[in-house]
């Protein structure tokens, strides 16, 4: 059996008591915008201010402290989500792909685990899979992030009060046969509920809230796709978890809330969807911010990102010193869903013409009406349409979470160019990411941090240590 070592965070923990010092926060909210670099944030802020006409800044930008953090892993200047999640949860660097273990493959302890062991309530939420890398880093210890069965077993055994997400992925093996994850959850007295309609059925015990049965487990759906009331969303899950923890853990609690869909949109270089996901994430931050305003002397809110995805910029070669973010209001479909629509057309017995596609582009994306398409661009799109739909001779763009046909790639490149945003990659970058904080001990997060500093600061604040 592998030896379990004390992590840096465990070494910082004081024995006994739910809260170590009178001046320590009673309530801790840890928000992680997956892939949310400063470029996407500024695009969302500009859209919020100029297109929505909002006078108040985003919730995250109303916080009293702002800083930066580096994101490199133990194996690369460009981290993946598993290594970044491990650093943000445990204070230990690890290699890309590893979860809850350090670079020497030894288990390390998350700040959530420490809070739970000290008698606090714990909630872990995400808009993607509840056993994905970032949430998993707060309760699991595996050498590879896709060991979903082991991650789900760790979830069941964690004792955490509330876990929420799109689904879990370890309920069947590679051959599709069911595993014993469901029975493990039942034996640990975890109430498993599906969809928004089940929220009123939440009891007093442990809860696993997932999207409706039969939905894709890796993503609740994009805000821009008008996912509707039958689908969970992050602000709703945040309010639900908060209400549950207030009842179950009045002595104090720790909540980690991940905006996972931000990363999915940025991997796809979908500027409009990314902006709407950041606004959705910021609405979830507003739930904690309102709570903080009612409990200012007992609350700490920390907002950051695990890494930057896509290298998204506000400003591009097409528009130079202009941006026309209002064009994204004509976008009624994510790039991922548009690509799925195109794949459906390819499977159809009907022979779709260019005029048919132009109607779809106008209806779904505002092309040729709101979004200008030059004669040269239309010629290029039509040529790609013929290659993709008639000649069947185009190559898909593969990203971490989706595969996009070549026509969809060209369509969204035109949309991004017209709106004034740009991308450098469909993967992660090594850019630093922002940190925002407010409440008890927030000053610790000023300046230029390493990602491993953030959970250490949380423990220092809980332990009442001075700067």
Foldseek 3Di string as FASTA:
>chain_A
DDDADEFPLNVLFDDAALFQDPQFFQAEEEEAAAQDFVFLVVLLQCCCCPVVVDPDTQPLVVFPFKAWAFFQAPAGLFEDLQQLLLLLFFLAGDHHFWAQAHPVLHGGAGLQLSSVVNPAAEEEEEQFALLARNNLNHFAGDGGSPPQLRSLLRVLVSQHAETEYAYGDNQADPVRHGDCSVVSNVVSVEDEEEWPVCLVVDDLGHYYYHYHPPDDRTGQDFVLQCSDRRTDAQLVSLVSVVVNSCRNGVSGHYYYYYLHVLLVLLLVVFSLRNSRSVSSSSSSVVVVVVVCVVVQSRYKYKYKYSFHFFAKHQADPLPHPDFAQVLSVQARDGLQVVQVVVVVLLPDPDQDAPVNVVVVCCNHRVEPHSQDADPVLSVVLNVLCCCVRPVVHFDWDDTPPHTGTPSSSSSSVSVCSSRGMDGDHSGTDRDMRMMGMHGQQRVVNHYYHYSSVNSVSSSCSSNVHDD
